[in-house]
C-alpha atoms as a PDB file:
ATOM      1  CA  MET A   1     -14.632 -17.945 -48.123  1.00  0.00           C
ATOM      2  CA  LYS A   2     -16.232 -14.551 -47.734  1.00  0.00           C
ATOM      3  CA  LYS A   3     -17.680 -15.489 -44.067  1.00  0.00           C
ATOM      4  CA  SER A   4     -14.339 -16.723 -43.274  1.00  0.00           C
ATOM      5  CA  LEU A   5     -12.588 -13.217 -44.642  1.00  0.00           C
ATOM      6  CA  SER A   6     -14.943 -11.243 -42.423  1.00  0.00           C
ATOM      7  CA  ASN A   7     -14.567 -13.427 -39.535  1.00  0.00           C
ATOM      8  CA  GLN A   8     -10.938 -12.997 -39.780  1.00  0.00           C
ATOM      9  CA  LEU A   9     -11.092  -8.837 -39.968  1.00  0.00           C
ATOM     10  CA  ILE A  10     -13.385  -9.101 -37.003  1.00  0.00           C
ATOM     11  CA  PHE A  11     -10.507 -10.848 -35.172  1.00  0.00           C
ATOM     12  CA  ILE A  12      -7.871  -8.585 -36.104  1.00  0.00           C
ATOM     13  CA  PHE A  13      -9.931  -5.631 -35.287  1.00  0.00           C
ATOM     14  CA  LEU A  14     -10.625  -7.093 -32.076  1.00  0.00           C
ATOM     15  CA  CYS A  15      -7.025  -7.953 -31.326  1.00  0.00           C
ATOM     16  CA  LEU A  16      -6.196  -4.222 -32.082  1.00  0.00           C
ATOM     17  CA  VAL A  17      -8.871  -2.899 -29.796  1.00  0.00           C
ATOM     18  CA  THR A  18      -7.370  -5.089 -26.741  1.00  0.00           C
ATOM     19  CA  ALA A  19      -3.732  -4.147 -27.521  1.00  0.00           C
ATOM     20  CA  LEU A  20      -5.085  -0.406 -27.472  1.00  0.00           C
ATOM     21  CA  PHE A  21      -6.583  -1.125 -24.178  1.00  0.00           C
ATOM     22  CA  LEU A  22      -3.973  -3.408 -22.655  1.00  0.00           C
ATOM     23  CA  PHE A  23      -0.847  -0.985 -23.916  1.00  0.00           C
ATOM     24  CA  PRO A  24      -1.464   1.629 -21.041  1.00  0.00           C
ATOM     25  CA  LEU A  25      -1.600  -0.998 -18.337  1.00  0.00           C
ATOM     26  CA  LEU A  26       1.835  -2.609 -19.729  1.00  0.00           C
ATOM     27  CA  ILE A  27       3.566   0.479 -19.999  1.00  0.00           C
ATOM     28  CA  THR A  28       1.978   1.206 -15.891  1.00  0.00           C
ATOM     29  CA  LEU A  29       3.290  -2.415 -15.186  1.00  0.00           C
ATOM     30  CA  SER A  30       6.809  -1.813 -16.559  1.00  0.00           C
ATOM     31  CA  SER A  31       7.240   1.580 -15.481  1.00  0.00           C
ATOM     32  CA  SER A  32       6.485   0.406 -11.707  1.00  0.00           C
ATOM     33  CA  PHE A  33       9.777  -1.715 -11.989  1.00  0.00           C
ATOM     34  CA  LYS A  34      11.942   1.560 -13.058  1.00  0.00           C
ATOM     35  CA  THR A  35      13.649   3.940 -11.352  1.00  0.00           C
ATOM     36  CA  ASN A  36      12.098   7.417 -11.460  1.00  0.00           C
ATOM     37  CA  MET A  37      15.354   8.834 -13.209  1.00  0.00           C
ATOM     38  CA  GLU A  38      14.652   5.995 -15.937  1.00  0.00           C
ATOM     39  CA  ILE A  39      10.961   7.044 -16.235  1.00  0.00           C
ATOM     40  CA  LEU A  40      11.888  10.661 -16.939  1.00  0.00           C
ATOM     41  CA  THR A  41      14.636   9.705 -19.595  1.00  0.00           C
ATOM     42  CA  SER A  42      14.025   6.307 -21.064  1.00  0.00           C
ATOM     43  CA  GLY A  43      11.565   7.754 -23.726  1.00  0.00           C
ATOM     44  CA  GLY A  44       9.331   4.675 -25.260  1.00  0.00           C
ATOM     45  CA  ASN A  45      11.599   1.748 -23.694  1.00  0.00           C
ATOM     46  CA  LEU A  46       8.861  -0.829 -22.320  1.00  0.00           C
ATOM     47  CA  LEU A  47      11.412  -3.141 -20.604  1.00  0.00           C
ATOM     48  CA  PRO A  48      13.284  -1.561 -17.397  1.00  0.00           C
ATOM     49  CA  GLU A  49      16.612  -1.908 -17.153  1.00  0.00           C
ATOM     50  CA  SER A  50      16.638  -3.624 -13.836  1.00  0.00           C
ATOM     51  CA  LEU A  51      13.722  -4.503 -11.900  1.00  0.00           C
ATOM     52  CA  GLN A  52      13.285  -2.144  -8.955  1.00  0.00           C
ATOM     53  CA  TRP A  53      11.248  -4.147  -6.681  1.00  0.00           C
ATOM     54  CA  LYS A  54      12.121  -1.936  -3.959  1.00  0.00           C
ATOM     55  CA  ASN A  55       9.582   0.585  -5.648  1.00  0.00           C
ATOM     56  CA  TYR A  56       6.664  -1.945  -4.102  1.00  0.00           C
ATOM     57  CA  VAL A  57       8.250  -2.207  -0.794  1.00  0.00           C
ATOM     58  CA  ASP A  58       8.967   1.568  -0.285  1.00  0.00           C
ATOM     59  CA  ALA A  59       5.068   2.233  -2.005  1.00  0.00           C
ATOM     60  CA  TRP A  60       3.721  -0.154   0.503  1.00  0.00           C
ATOM     61  CA  ASN A  61       5.323   1.621   3.730  1.00  0.00           C
ATOM     62  CA  ILE A  62       5.073   5.289   2.847  1.00  0.00           C
ATOM     63  CA  ALA A  63       1.550   5.172   1.541  1.00  0.00           C
ATOM     64  CA  ASN A  64       0.736   2.961   4.954  1.00  0.00           C
ATOM     65  CA  PHE A  65      -1.146   0.720   2.536  1.00  0.00           C
ATOM     66  CA  LYS A  66      -2.512  -2.139   5.111  1.00  0.00           C
ATOM     67  CA  ARG A  67      -4.536   0.797   7.056  1.00  0.00           C
ATOM     68  CA  TYR A  68      -5.858   2.778   3.776  1.00  0.00           C
ATOM     69  CA  ALA A  69      -6.518  -0.678   1.888  1.00  0.00           C
ATOM     70  CA  LEU A  70      -8.930  -1.498   4.860  1.00  0.00           C
ATOM     71  CA  ASN A  71     -10.539   1.990   4.728  1.00  0.00           C
ATOM     72  CA  SER A  72     -11.024   1.500   1.053  1.00  0.00           C
ATOM     73  CA  LEU A  73     -12.591  -2.223   1.884  1.00  0.00           C
ATOM     74  CA  PHE A  74     -14.762  -0.594   4.477  1.00  0.00           C
ATOM     75  CA  VAL A  75     -16.114   2.066   1.958  1.00  0.00           C
ATOM     76  CA  THR A  76     -16.430   0.059  -0.901  1.00  0.00           C
ATOM     77  CA  ALA A  77     -18.310  -3.166   0.787  1.00  0.00           C
ATOM     78  CA  MET A  78     -20.801  -0.668   2.645  1.00  0.00           C
ATOM     79  CA  THR A  79     -21.547   1.447  -0.661  1.00  0.00           C
ATOM     80  CA  ILE A  80     -21.810  -2.076  -2.446  1.00  0.00           C
ATOM     81  CA  VAL A  81     -24.504  -3.210  -0.081  1.00  0.00           C
ATOM     82  CA  GLY A  82     -26.636  -0.074   0.163  1.00  0.00           C
ATOM     83  CA  ILE A  83     -26.630   0.284  -3.656  1.00  0.00           C
ATOM     84  CA  LEU A  84     -27.439  -3.330  -4.257  1.00  0.00           C
ATOM     85  CA  LEU A  85     -30.379  -2.700  -1.943  1.00  0.00           C
ATOM     86  CA  VAL A  86     -31.426   0.536  -3.728  1.00  0.00           C
ATOM     87  CA  ALA A  87     -30.863  -0.436  -7.096  1.00  0.00           C
ATOM     88  CA  THR A  88     -32.512  -3.867  -6.997  1.00  0.00           C
ATOM     89  CA  SER A  89     -35.541  -2.780  -4.908  1.00  0.00           C
ATOM     90  CA  THR A  90     -36.175   0.525  -7.075  1.00  0.00           C
ATOM     91  CA  GLY A  91     -35.662  -1.648 -10.354  1.00  0.00           C
ATOM     92  CA  TYR A  92     -38.234  -3.952  -8.790  1.00  0.00           C
ATOM     93  CA  ALA A  93     -40.699  -1.357  -8.259  1.00  0.00           C
ATOM     94  CA  PHE A  94     -40.350  -0.039 -11.671  1.00  0.00           C
ATOM     95  CA  SER A  95     -40.516  -3.766 -12.975  1.00  0.00           C
ATOM     96  CA  ARG A  96     -43.610  -4.907 -10.793  1.00  0.00           C
ATOM     97  CA  GLY A  97     -45.252  -1.914  -9.334  1.00  0.00           C
ATOM     98  CA  ASN A  98     -48.445  -0.380 -10.786  1.00  0.00           C
ATOM     99  CA  PHE A  99     -48.323   3.272  -9.641  1.00  0.00           C
ATOM    100  CA  ILE A 100     -49.564   6.509 -11.298  1.00  0.00           C
ATOM    101  CA  GLY A 101     -46.670   7.912 -13.142  1.00  0.00           C
ATOM    102  CA  LYS A 102     -44.465   4.918 -13.489  1.00  0.00           C
ATOM    103  CA  LYS A 103     -43.411   5.366 -16.865  1.00  0.00           C
ATOM    104  CA  LEU A 104     -42.847   9.367 -16.401  1.00  0.00           C
ATOM    105  CA  LEU A 105     -40.680   8.713 -13.585  1.00  0.00           C
ATOM    106  CA  PHE A 106     -38.647   5.639 -14.985  1.00  0.00           C
ATOM    107  CA  SER A 107     -38.088   8.158 -18.172  1.00  0.00           C
ATOM    108  CA  LEU A 108     -36.712  11.080 -16.136  1.00  0.00           C
ATOM    109  CA  PHE A 109     -34.677   8.547 -14.136  1.00  0.00           C
ATOM    110  CA  ILE A 110     -33.479   7.207 -17.870  1.00  0.00           C
ATOM    111  CA  ALA A 111     -32.451  10.696 -18.760  1.00  0.00           C
ATOM    112  CA  THR A 112     -29.981  10.890 -16.127  1.00  0.00           C
ATOM    113  CA  MET A 113     -27.907   8.090 -17.420  1.00  0.00           C
ATOM    114  CA  PHE A 114     -26.950  10.659 -20.212  1.00  0.00           C
ATOM    115  CA  LEU A 115     -25.904  13.680 -18.072  1.00  0.00           C
ATOM    116  CA  SER A 116     -22.514  14.032 -17.062  1.00  0.00           C
ATOM    117  CA  TRP A 117     -22.457  15.418 -13.805  1.00  0.00           C
ATOM    118  CA  GLY A 118     -18.801  14.862 -12.673  1.00  0.00           C
ATOM    119  CA  PRO A 119     -17.379  17.553 -10.189  1.00  0.00           C
ATOM    120  CA  ILE A 120     -20.755  19.862 -10.421  1.00  0.00           C
ATOM    121  CA  MET A 121     -22.112  17.352  -7.992  1.00  0.00           C
ATOM    122  CA  ILE A 122     -19.524  17.842  -5.453  1.00  0.00           C
ATOM    123  CA  TYR A 123     -20.626  21.058  -3.840  1.00  0.00           C
ATOM    124  CA  PRO A 124     -24.384  20.397  -3.397  1.00  0.00           C
ATOM    125  CA  GLN A 125     -23.415  16.664  -1.989  1.00  0.00           C
ATOM    126  CA  LEU A 126     -20.922  18.423   0.723  1.00  0.00           C
ATOM    127  CA  GLN A 127     -23.819  20.790   1.313  1.00  0.00           C
ATOM    128  CA  VAL A 128     -25.889  17.984   2.388  1.00  0.00           C
ATOM    129  CA  ALA A 129     -23.164  16.338   4.224  1.00  0.00           C
ATOM    130  CA  LYS A 130     -22.465  19.468   6.401  1.00  0.00           C
ATOM    131  CA  VAL A 131     -26.192  19.836   7.164  1.00  0.00           C
ATOM    132  CA  LEU A 132     -26.343  16.316   8.406  1.00  0.00           C
ATOM    133  CA  GLY A 133     -23.125  16.405  10.259  1.00  0.00           C
ATOM    134  CA  ILE A 134     -21.390  13.893   8.385  1.00  0.00           C
ATOM    135  CA  ASN A 135     -18.850  15.913   5.875  1.00  0.00           C
ATOM    136  CA  ALA A 136     -15.591  14.554   7.778  1.00  0.00           C
ATOM    137  CA  SER A 137     -16.622  10.896   8.029  1.00  0.00           C
ATOM    138  CA  LEU A 138     -16.219   7.749   5.517  1.00  0.00           C
ATOM    139  CA  TRP A 139     -20.067   7.165   6.573  1.00  0.00           C
ATOM    140  CA  GLY A 140     -20.716  10.809   4.905  1.00  0.00           C
ATOM    141  CA  TYR A 141     -19.073   9.331   1.903  1.00  0.00           C
ATOM    142  CA  ILE A 142     -20.855   5.961   1.856  1.00  0.00           C
ATOM    143  CA  ILE A 143     -24.589   7.450   2.380  1.00  0.00           C
ATOM    144  CA  LEU A 144     -24.210  10.123  -0.560  1.00  0.00           C
ATOM    145  CA  ARG A 145     -22.828   7.376  -2.547  1.00  0.00           C
ATOM    146  CA  VAL A 146     -25.639   5.081  -1.867  1.00  0.00           C
ATOM    147  CA  PHE A 147     -28.527   7.583  -2.109  1.00  0.00           C
ATOM    148  CA  THR A 148     -27.146   9.088  -5.503  1.00  0.00           C
ATOM    149  CA  VAL A 149     -26.944   6.023  -6.915  1.00  0.00           C
ATOM    150  CA  ASN A 150     -26.284   5.451 -10.633  1.00  0.00           C
ATOM    151  CA  MET A 151     -29.211   5.072 -12.608  1.00  0.00           C
ATOM    152  CA  THR A 152     -27.144   2.475 -14.745  1.00  0.00           C
ATOM    153  CA  MET A 153     -27.404   0.092 -11.849  1.00  0.00           C
ATOM    154  CA  ILE A 154     -31.385   0.495 -11.355  1.00  0.00           C
ATOM    155  CA  PHE A 155     -32.076   0.232 -15.263  1.00  0.00           C
ATOM    156  CA  LEU A 156     -29.789  -2.948 -15.221  1.00  0.00           C
ATOM    157  CA  ALA A 157     -31.779  -4.230 -12.301  1.00  0.00           C
ATOM    158  CA  LYS A 158     -35.334  -3.286 -13.681  1.00  0.00           C
ATOM    159  CA  THR A 159     -34.519  -5.057 -17.249  1.00  0.00           C
ATOM    160  CA  TYR A 160     -33.484  -8.069 -15.581  1.00  0.00           C
ATOM    161  CA  ILE A 161     -36.152  -8.558 -13.507  1.00  0.00           C
ATOM    162  CA  ASP A 162     -38.369  -7.848 -16.574  1.00  0.00           C
ATOM    163  CA  SER A 163     -37.107 -11.050 -17.943  1.00  0.00           C
ATOM    164  CA  ILE A 164     -38.174 -13.154 -15.100  1.00  0.00           C
ATOM    165  CA  THR A 165     -42.100 -14.557 -15.707  1.00  0.00           C
ATOM    166  CA  ARG A 166     -44.638 -13.164 -13.721  1.00  0.00           C
ATOM    167  CA  SER A 167     -46.275 -16.258 -13.439  1.00  0.00           C
ATOM    168  CA  LEU A 168     -43.898 -16.522  -9.921  1.00  0.00           C
ATOM    169  CA  ASP A 169     -45.408 -13.514  -8.688  1.00  0.00           C
ATOM    170  CA  GLU A 170     -48.961 -14.621  -9.000  1.00  0.00           C
ATOM    171  CA  ALA A 171     -48.407 -17.798  -7.764  1.00  0.00           C
ATOM    172  CA  ALA A 172     -46.777 -16.313  -4.620  1.00  0.00           C
ATOM    173  CA  THR A 173     -49.666 -13.808  -4.603  1.00  0.00           C
ATOM    174  CA  ILE A 174     -52.281 -16.528  -4.359  1.00  0.00           C
ATOM    175  CA  ASP A 175     -50.466 -17.999  -1.757  1.00  0.00           C
ATOM    176  CA  GLY A 176     -50.408 -14.696   0.430  1.00  0.00           C
ATOM    177  CA  CYS A 177     -46.879 -13.141  -0.133  1.00  0.00           C
ATOM    178  CA  SER A 178     -46.963  -9.635  -0.236  1.00  0.00           C
ATOM    179  CA  PHE A 179     -45.209  -7.272  -2.391  1.00  0.00           C
ATOM    180  CA  PHE A 180     -42.064  -7.024  -0.361  1.00  0.00           C
ATOM    181  CA  ARG A 181     -41.991 -10.296   0.496  1.00  0.00           C
ATOM    182  CA  ILE A 182     -42.143 -11.472  -3.245  1.00  0.00           C
ATOM    183  CA  TYR A 183     -39.138  -9.551  -3.601  1.00  0.00           C
ATOM    184  CA  TRP A 184     -36.885 -10.646  -0.841  1.00  0.00           C
ATOM    185  CA  ASN A 185     -37.644 -14.250  -1.031  1.00  0.00           C
ATOM    186  CA  ILE A 186     -38.571 -14.589  -5.060  1.00  0.00           C
ATOM    187  CA  ILE A 187     -37.030 -12.089  -7.151  1.00  0.00           C
ATOM    188  CA  LEU A 188     -33.303 -11.490  -5.079  1.00  0.00           C
ATOM    189  CA  PRO A 189     -32.657 -15.085  -5.140  1.00  0.00           C
ATOM    190  CA  LEU A 190     -33.372 -15.396  -9.194  1.00  0.00           C
ATOM    191  CA  ILE A 191     -31.231 -12.133 -10.147  1.00  0.00           C
ATOM    192  CA  LYS A 192     -27.816 -13.500  -8.848  1.00  0.00           C
ATOM    193  CA  PRO A 193     -26.147 -12.535 -12.145  1.00  0.00           C
ATOM    194  CA  ILE A 194     -27.599  -8.785 -11.940  1.00  0.00           C
ATOM    195  CA  ILE A 195     -26.381  -8.955  -8.655  1.00  0.00           C
ATOM    196  CA  ALA A 196     -22.593  -9.872  -9.759  1.00  0.00           C
ATOM    197  CA  THR A 197     -22.746  -7.320 -12.120  1.00  0.00           C
ATOM    198  CA  ILE A 198     -23.798  -4.464 -10.084  1.00  0.00           C
ATOM    199  CA  THR A 199     -21.229  -5.454  -7.345  1.00  0.00           C
ATOM    200  CA  LEU A 200     -18.451  -5.432  -9.859  1.00  0.00           C
ATOM    201  CA  LEU A 201     -19.637  -2.058 -11.735  1.00  0.00           C
ATOM    202  CA  THR A 202     -20.044  -0.375  -7.854  1.00  0.00           C
ATOM    203  CA  PHE A 203     -16.567  -1.745  -6.834  1.00  0.00           C
ATOM    204  CA  GLY A 204     -14.895  -0.364  -9.628  1.00  0.00           C
ATOM    205  CA  GLU A 205     -16.572   3.111  -9.384  1.00  0.00           C
ATOM    206  CA  THR A 206     -16.046   3.070  -5.595  1.00  0.00           C
ATOM    207  CA  TRP A 207     -12.445   1.664  -5.326  1.00  0.00           C
ATOM    208  CA  ASN A 208     -11.026   3.992  -7.917  1.00  0.00           C
ATOM    209  CA  ASP A 209     -13.001   7.145  -6.995  1.00  0.00           C
ATOM    210  CA  TYR A 210     -10.726  10.050  -5.987  1.00  0.00           C
ATOM    211  CA  LEU A 211     -12.056  13.290  -5.737  1.00  0.00           C
ATOM    212  CA  LEU A 212     -15.064  12.751  -3.403  1.00  0.00           C
ATOM    213  CA  PRO A 213     -13.114  10.624  -0.918  1.00  0.00           C
ATOM    214  CA  LEU A 214     -10.433  13.278  -1.324  1.00  0.00           C
ATOM    215  CA  VAL A 215     -12.617  15.983  -0.302  1.00  0.00           C
ATOM    216  CA  PHE A 216     -14.229  14.075   2.710  1.00  0.00           C
ATOM    217  CA  THR A 217     -10.964  13.122   4.137  1.00  0.00           C
ATOM    218  CA  MET A 218      -8.660  16.495   3.968  1.00  0.00           C
ATOM    219  CA  ALA A 219      -9.467  17.111   7.541  1.00  0.00           C
ATOM    220  CA  ARG A 220      -8.582  13.356   8.669  1.00  0.00           C
ATOM    221  CA  PRO A 221      -6.000  11.814   6.698  1.00  0.00           C
ATOM    222  CA  GLU A 222      -6.074   8.824   8.879  1.00  0.00           C
ATOM    223  CA  LEU A 223      -9.368   8.194   7.107  1.00  0.00           C
ATOM    224  CA  GLN A 224      -8.137   8.614   3.398  1.00  0.00           C
ATOM    225  CA  THR A 225      -8.994   5.663   0.859  1.00  0.00           C
ATOM    226  CA  LEU A 226      -6.431   3.688  -0.881  1.00  0.00           C
ATOM    227  CA  THR A 227      -6.516   5.585  -4.270  1.00  0.00           C
ATOM    228  CA  VAL A 228      -6.119   8.903  -2.322  1.00  0.00           C
ATOM    229  CA  ALA A 229      -3.035   7.585  -0.967  1.00  0.00           C
ATOM    230  CA  VAL A 230      -1.679   6.446  -3.951  1.00  0.00           C
ATOM    231  CA  VAL A 231      -2.169   9.648  -5.679  1.00  0.00           C
ATOM    232  CA  GLY A 232      -0.105  10.986  -2.294  1.00  0.00           C
ATOM    233  CA  LEU A 233       3.087   8.637  -3.283  1.00  0.00           C
ATOM    234  CA  LYS A 234       3.825  11.164  -6.209  1.00  0.00           C
ATOM    235  CA  THR A 235       5.144  13.768  -3.911  1.00  0.00           C
ATOM    236  CA  SER A 236       6.263  11.614  -1.213  1.00  0.00           C
ATOM    237  CA  GLY A 237       9.715  10.958  -2.218  1.00  0.00           C
ATOM    238  CA  GLN A 238      12.863  12.974  -2.192  1.00  0.00           C
ATOM    239  CA  VAL A 239      11.947  14.609  -5.811  1.00  0.00           C
ATOM    240  CA  ALA A 240       9.241  16.631  -6.995  1.00  0.00           C
ATOM    241  CA  SER A 241       7.323  13.662  -8.463  1.00  0.00           C
ATOM    242  CA  SER A 242       8.191  10.252  -7.557  1.00  0.00           C
ATOM    243  CA  TRP A 243       6.270   8.462 -10.643  1.00  0.00           C
ATOM    244  CA  ASN A 244       7.892   5.113  -9.933  1.00  0.00           C
ATOM    245  CA  LEU A 245       6.232   5.041  -6.508  1.00  0.00           C
ATOM    246  CA  MET A 246       3.180   6.025  -7.436  1.00  0.00           C
ATOM    247  CA  LEU A 247       2.825   3.532 -10.338  1.00  0.00           C
ATOM    248  CA  ALA A 248       3.945   0.747  -8.024  1.00  0.00           C
ATOM    249  CA  GLY A 249       1.388   1.612  -5.494  1.00  0.00           C
ATOM    250  CA  SER A 250      -1.084   1.868  -8.750  1.00  0.00           C
ATOM    251  CA  VAL A 251      -0.534  -1.564  -9.438  1.00  0.00           C
ATOM    252  CA  MET A 252      -0.923  -2.814  -6.264  1.00  0.00           C
ATOM    253  CA  SER A 253      -4.434  -1.144  -5.965  1.00  0.00           C
ATOM    254  CA  ILE A 254      -6.031  -2.624  -9.042  1.00  0.00           C
ATOM    255  CA  VAL A 255      -4.826  -6.069  -8.050  1.00  0.00           C
ATOM    256  CA  PRO A 256      -8.342  -6.645  -5.736  1.00  0.00           C
ATOM    257  CA  MET A 257     -10.277  -5.346  -8.961  1.00  0.00           C
ATOM    258  CA  ILE A 258      -8.758  -7.765 -11.197  1.00  0.00           C
ATOM    259  CA  ILE A 259      -9.275 -10.818  -8.599  1.00  0.00           C
ATOM    260  CA  LEU A 260     -12.962  -9.866  -8.029  1.00  0.00           C
ATOM    261  CA  TYR A 261     -13.609  -9.431 -11.747  1.00  0.00           C
ATOM    262  CA  PHE A 262     -11.960 -13.110 -13.042  1.00  0.00           C
ATOM    263  CA  SER A 263     -13.899 -15.020  -9.749  1.00  0.00           C
ATOM    264  CA  MET A 264     -17.394 -13.140 -11.110  1.00  0.00           C
ATOM    265  CA  SER A 265     -16.831 -12.711 -14.712  1.00  0.00           C
ATOM    266  CA  LYS A 266     -19.413 -15.428 -15.654  1.00  0.00           C
ATOM    267  CA  TYR A 267     -22.066 -13.976 -13.744  1.00  0.00           C
ATOM    268  CA  PHE A 268     -21.179 -10.419 -14.793  1.00  0.00           C
ATOM    269  CA  ILE A 269     -21.598 -11.418 -18.441  1.00  0.00           C
ATOM    270  CA  SER A 270     -24.834 -13.302 -17.550  1.00  0.00           C
ATOM    271  CA  GLY A 271     -26.232 -10.443 -16.002  1.00  0.00           C
ATOM    272  CA  LEU A 272     -25.331  -7.854 -18.939  1.00  0.00           C
ATOM    273  CA  THR A 273     -26.821 -10.119 -21.438  1.00  0.00           C
ATOM    274  CA  ARG A 274     -29.934 -11.721 -19.568  1.00  0.00           C
ATOM    275  CA  GLY A 275     -32.071  -8.405 -19.449  1.00  0.00           C
ATOM    276  CA  ALA A 276     -32.127  -8.375 -23.403  1.00  0.00           C
ATOM    277  CA  ILE A 277     -34.274 -11.431 -23.217  1.00  0.00           C
ATOM    278  CA  LYS A 278     -37.918 -10.923 -22.439  1.00  0.00           C
ATOM    279  CA  GLU A 279     -40.604 -13.460 -21.597  1.00  0.00           C
END
């Protein structure tokens, strides 16, 4: 009886937390079908007076969705590939490597996970990009994103590789495999769940990134990513703030993220939980 009550309380708590997270999304979805005047004057009314599908048509056309979506897809895909290679190879080196100062270096890397750099890093990143001559290109953004990879990705890869039995490495070494070949031919095929996890996390970070893409594309607006273009919808209408267009654009921009998550959710959860189990 006590266990049943406890489970019910946990269920109610989880429902409340879920509702708390979903409510802003529902407000966004509902408001994307309202007129701009209705958004500003309707107060807390969740349902629109009439469905304004025109918001989506206007947002698509004004924001040049096709072009900027392709920019975002290019940037996100290249960033994912780069971060996967950096995160998994670095995680493999920390997990299987044997070099002086490994524990100290990994501890320093872990410490950066608890630091919030945010806008502080914008200026030094731009200076580096300027020196390299890539400060006004999407490739500049991609290179900086890849080589300033979130340490969380490396940590996830390292802990997942730790859970793989070392007997596979030993057998491969006996067969003449090098350290790199073991990583490429044995470890990578076994860590698909954590690859899916890193892919989803990187997709979310890159697809939704606003500040750095904005700075990198100021001189060349045609290179803007979708997030930058969607925010620009707010000032694209006949009034000072076209919230209806921006919200409609926001809803369309999150569709790829939702599709990717549901198609890879099984691997995403497995990748997060597997690293907790060690041989």
